[in-house]
Amino acid sequence: MGYLVELIAKALVDNPDQVHVNEVEGSSTITIELRVAPEDMGKVIGKQGRIAKAIRTVVKAAATKESKKVIVEIL
């Protein structure tokens, strides 16, 4: 799942080398932490959070195969 978030984020930002994804796996949940450069934060979040919501929707759809809950945090 982390690779999917990293791939999407790198396509959106101006500084793809500053995209860092950390995946923390629990018993029933996976938390994916996304860090980008401060100047790229708006591009990842989008107007009214639309892009962030779309990223979460795509990851949630991909996670249904593993039957785990996925949380995407943009830090």
N, C-alpha and C. Protein backbone atom coordinates (compact mmCIF):
# COMPACT_ATOMS: atom_id res chain seq x y z
N MET A 1 0.82 -1.20 0.00
CA MET A 1 0.00 0.00 0.00
C MET A 1 0.86 1.26 0.00
N GLY A 2 1.96 1.22 0.71
CA GLY A 2 2.84 2.38 0.78
C GLY A 2 3.40 2.75 -0.57
N TYR A 3 3.69 1.73 -1.38
CA TYR A 3 4.22 1.99 -2.72
C TYR A 3 3.19 2.72 -3.57
N LEU A 4 1.93 2.37 -3.44
CA LEU A 4 0.87 3.03 -4.20
C LEU A 4 0.75 4.50 -3.83
N VAL A 5 0.80 4.81 -2.54
CA VAL A 5 0.73 6.20 -2.08
C VAL A 5 1.95 6.97 -2.57
N GLU A 6 3.11 6.34 -2.50
CA GLU A 6 4.34 7.00 -2.96
C GLU A 6 4.28 7.29 -4.45
N LEU A 7 3.78 6.36 -5.22
CA LEU A 7 3.67 6.54 -6.67
C LEU A 7 2.74 7.70 -7.02
N ILE A 8 1.61 7.77 -6.36
CA ILE A 8 0.65 8.85 -6.61
C ILE A 8 1.23 10.20 -6.19
N ALA A 9 1.85 10.24 -5.01
CA ALA A 9 2.39 11.50 -4.48
C ALA A 9 3.52 12.02 -5.36
N LYS A 10 4.40 11.14 -5.83
CA LYS A 10 5.51 11.58 -6.66
C LYS A 10 5.03 12.15 -7.99
N ALA A 11 3.89 11.67 -8.48
CA ALA A 11 3.34 12.19 -9.72
C ALA A 11 2.73 13.58 -9.53
N LEU A 12 2.36 13.93 -8.30
CA LEU A 12 1.69 15.19 -8.04
C LEU A 12 2.64 16.35 -7.71
N VAL A 13 3.76 16.07 -7.08
CA VAL A 13 4.60 17.11 -6.50
C VAL A 13 5.70 17.58 -7.46
N ASP A 14 6.30 18.73 -7.12
CA ASP A 14 7.43 19.27 -7.89
C ASP A 14 8.76 18.67 -7.44
N ASN A 15 8.83 18.24 -6.19
CA ASN A 15 10.05 17.66 -5.63
C ASN A 15 9.82 16.19 -5.27
N PRO A 16 9.83 15.28 -6.24
CA PRO A 16 9.53 13.88 -5.93
C PRO A 16 10.58 13.21 -5.06
N ASP A 17 11.79 13.77 -5.01
CA ASP A 17 12.83 13.17 -4.17
C ASP A 17 12.59 13.43 -2.68
N GLN A 18 11.68 14.35 -2.35
CA GLN A 18 11.39 14.66 -0.95
C GLN A 18 10.11 13.97 -0.46
N VAL A 19 9.60 13.03 -1.24
CA VAL A 19 8.42 12.27 -0.83
C VAL A 19 8.89 11.07 -0.01
N HIS A 20 8.36 10.96 1.22
CA HIS A 20 8.73 9.85 2.10
C HIS A 20 7.45 9.20 2.61
N VAL A 21 7.40 7.89 2.52
CA VAL A 21 6.23 7.14 2.97
C VAL A 21 6.68 6.15 4.04
N ASN A 22 5.97 6.15 5.16
CA ASN A 22 6.24 5.21 6.24
C ASN A 22 4.97 4.40 6.48
N GLU A 23 5.11 3.09 6.50
CA GLU A 23 3.97 2.21 6.65
C GLU A 23 4.06 1.50 8.00
N VAL A 24 3.05 1.71 8.85
CA VAL A 24 3.00 1.09 10.16
C VAL A 24 1.83 0.10 10.17
N GLU A 25 2.15 -1.17 10.34
CA GLU A 25 1.11 -2.19 10.26
C GLU A 25 0.73 -2.68 11.65
N GLY A 26 -0.55 -2.61 11.94
CA GLY A 26 -1.08 -3.12 13.20
C GLY A 26 -1.79 -4.44 12.97
N SER A 27 -2.56 -4.89 13.95
CA SER A 27 -3.24 -6.18 13.82
C SER A 27 -4.36 -6.13 12.78
N SER A 28 -5.12 -5.04 12.77
CA SER A 28 -6.23 -4.95 11.81
C SER A 28 -6.18 -3.68 10.97
N THR A 29 -5.20 -2.83 11.20
CA THR A 29 -5.10 -1.58 10.45
C THR A 29 -3.69 -1.38 9.91
N ILE A 30 -3.61 -0.63 8.86
CA ILE A 30 -2.34 -0.19 8.29
C ILE A 30 -2.38 1.32 8.25
N THR A 31 -1.40 1.97 8.87
CA THR A 31 -1.31 3.42 8.85
C THR A 31 -0.18 3.81 7.91
N ILE A 32 -0.50 4.62 6.92
CA ILE A 32 0.49 5.07 5.95
C ILE A 32 0.71 6.57 6.19
N GLU A 33 1.94 6.91 6.53
CA GLU A 33 2.30 8.31 6.78
C GLU A 33 3.01 8.86 5.56
N LEU A 34 2.49 9.94 5.01
CA LEU A 34 3.06 10.57 3.81
C LEU A 34 3.66 11.91 4.19
N ARG A 35 4.93 12.09 3.86
CA ARG A 35 5.62 13.37 4.09
C ARG A 35 6.10 13.91 2.75
N VAL A 36 5.81 15.19 2.50
CA VAL A 36 6.28 15.86 1.29
C VAL A 36 6.93 17.17 1.69
N ALA A 37 7.56 17.82 0.73
CA ALA A 37 8.17 19.13 0.98
C ALA A 37 7.06 20.13 1.34
N PRO A 38 7.36 21.10 2.21
CA PRO A 38 6.32 22.06 2.62
C PRO A 38 5.66 22.80 1.45
N GLU A 39 6.44 23.10 0.41
CA GLU A 39 5.85 23.82 -0.73
C GLU A 39 4.96 22.93 -1.59
N ASP A 40 5.04 21.61 -1.43
CA ASP A 40 4.20 20.68 -2.19
C ASP A 40 2.98 20.22 -1.41
N MET A 41 2.84 20.67 -0.18
CA MET A 41 1.74 20.21 0.67
C MET A 41 0.38 20.52 0.04
N GLY A 42 0.23 21.70 -0.53
CA GLY A 42 -1.04 22.08 -1.15
C GLY A 42 -1.39 21.22 -2.35
N LYS A 43 -0.39 20.76 -3.07
CA LYS A 43 -0.64 19.92 -4.24
C LYS A 43 -1.13 18.54 -3.84
N VAL A 44 -0.68 18.05 -2.70
CA VAL A 44 -1.10 16.73 -2.24
C VAL A 44 -2.47 16.79 -1.58
N ILE A 45 -2.76 17.90 -0.90
CA ILE A 45 -4.06 18.03 -0.23
C ILE A 45 -5.14 18.46 -1.21
N GLY A 46 -4.85 19.43 -2.06
CA GLY A 46 -5.83 19.90 -3.04
C GLY A 46 -6.83 20.86 -2.44
N LYS A 47 -7.63 21.46 -3.30
CA LYS A 47 -8.66 22.38 -2.83
C LYS A 47 -9.70 21.63 -2.03
N GLN A 48 -9.94 22.12 -0.83
CA GLN A 48 -10.90 21.53 0.11
C GLN A 48 -10.61 20.06 0.38
N GLY A 49 -9.35 19.63 0.21
CA GLY A 49 -8.96 18.27 0.52
C GLY A 49 -9.38 17.22 -0.49
N ARG A 50 -9.71 17.65 -1.69
CA ARG A 50 -10.23 16.70 -2.69
C ARG A 50 -9.19 15.68 -3.13
N ILE A 51 -7.96 16.11 -3.34
CA ILE A 51 -6.92 15.17 -3.79
C ILE A 51 -6.58 14.19 -2.67
N ALA A 52 -6.48 14.69 -1.44
CA ALA A 52 -6.21 13.81 -0.30
C ALA A 52 -7.32 12.77 -0.15
N LYS A 53 -8.54 13.20 -0.33
CA LYS A 53 -9.68 12.27 -0.24
C LYS A 53 -9.62 11.23 -1.36
N ALA A 54 -9.22 11.65 -2.55
CA ALA A 54 -9.11 10.72 -3.67
C ALA A 54 -8.01 9.69 -3.43
N ILE A 55 -6.88 10.14 -2.86
CA ILE A 55 -5.80 9.21 -2.54
C ILE A 55 -6.28 8.19 -1.53
N ARG A 56 -6.99 8.64 -0.51
CA ARG A 56 -7.50 7.72 0.51
C ARG A 56 -8.50 6.73 -0.08
N THR A 57 -9.33 7.19 -1.02
CA THR A 57 -10.31 6.31 -1.65
C THR A 57 -9.64 5.23 -2.47
N VAL A 58 -8.61 5.59 -3.24
CA VAL A 58 -7.89 4.61 -4.06
C VAL A 58 -7.20 3.58 -3.18
N VAL A 59 -6.56 4.04 -2.11
CA VAL A 59 -5.86 3.12 -1.22
C VAL A 59 -6.85 2.21 -0.50
N LYS A 60 -7.98 2.77 -0.10
CA LYS A 60 -8.99 1.95 0.58
C LYS A 60 -9.53 0.87 -0.36
N ALA A 61 -9.70 1.21 -1.63
CA ALA A 61 -10.17 0.22 -2.59
C ALA A 61 -9.13 -0.87 -2.80
N ALA A 62 -7.86 -0.51 -2.82
CA ALA A 62 -6.80 -1.50 -2.98
C ALA A 62 -6.65 -2.37 -1.74
N ALA A 63 -7.02 -1.85 -0.58
CA ALA A 63 -6.87 -2.59 0.67
C ALA A 63 -7.99 -3.60 0.91
N THR A 64 -9.04 -3.56 0.13
CA THR A 64 -10.13 -4.50 0.35
C THR A 64 -9.69 -5.93 0.10
N LYS A 65 -8.67 -6.14 -0.73
CA LYS A 65 -8.15 -7.48 -0.97
C LYS A 65 -7.54 -8.08 0.29
N GLU A 66 -6.92 -7.25 1.09
CA GLU A 66 -6.26 -7.72 2.31
C GLU A 66 -7.21 -7.70 3.51
N SER A 67 -8.40 -7.20 3.32
CA SER A 67 -9.42 -7.05 4.37
C SER A 67 -8.86 -6.39 5.63
N LYS A 68 -8.12 -5.29 5.41
CA LYS A 68 -7.61 -4.49 6.51
C LYS A 68 -8.05 -3.05 6.30
N LYS A 69 -8.13 -2.31 7.39
CA LYS A 69 -8.47 -0.90 7.32
C LYS A 69 -7.19 -0.10 7.11
N VAL A 70 -7.21 0.82 6.17
CA VAL A 70 -6.04 1.62 5.86
C VAL A 70 -6.31 3.09 6.20
N ILE A 71 -5.36 3.68 6.90
CA ILE A 71 -5.45 5.10 7.26
C ILE A 71 -4.28 5.81 6.60
N VAL A 72 -4.57 6.84 5.81
CA VAL A 72 -3.52 7.63 5.16
C VAL A 72 -3.43 8.97 5.89
N GLU A 73 -2.26 9.24 6.45
CA GLU A 73 -2.02 10.51 7.15
C GLU A 73 -1.01 11.32 6.35
N ILE A 74 -1.35 12.58 6.10
CA ILE A 74 -0.43 13.48 5.40
C ILE A 74 0.18 14.37 6.47
N LEU A 75 1.50 14.22 6.66
CA LEU A 75 2.19 14.94 7.73
C LEU A 75 2.98 16.09 7.19
